[in-house]
Amino acid sequence: QVQLVESGGGLVQAGDSLTLSCVASGRAFTTYHMGWFRQAPGKEREFVAGISRNGGNTDYADSVKGRLTTSRDNAKNTVYLEMNSLKPEDTAVYYCAADNSWSTVIGTTMGRYAYWGQGTQVTVSS
């Protein structure tokens, strides 16, 4: 089992940048694909970004391509989500999640992820 703790959220203005971190503890971090999801008020949780076990592959939702970048530091058991050119529609609670399947493909659906953090709020004002 793995425990995930996100940090780095906050209130920013449109156009600003923010970097979220997610620290994992427990079982070997390198056995998990990692994903980022977000949930805006009144909306379903949606996939934002994912990164493979060794960090060599990433995947992004079309709505964030070119603005958000995920990376990981396996030595620090940490995954990051760098967010640039933030928009008010990026306002949401952001969650990191760990996929403990043996798939070689990064998952983009919630069902692929067995472990979740508590979330961190990102608010973008216009």
Foldseek 3Di string as FASTA:
>chain_A
DKAKAKDWADEEAQQAKTKMKIAIDDPQLLLWWKFKWWDDPPGDIFTAKIAHSVRPDMDGDPVQPPFWDKGDDSVRRMIMIIGGRDDQVVWTWMKMFTANDPDPDTDGDPVRTDYIYPTDTHGYHD
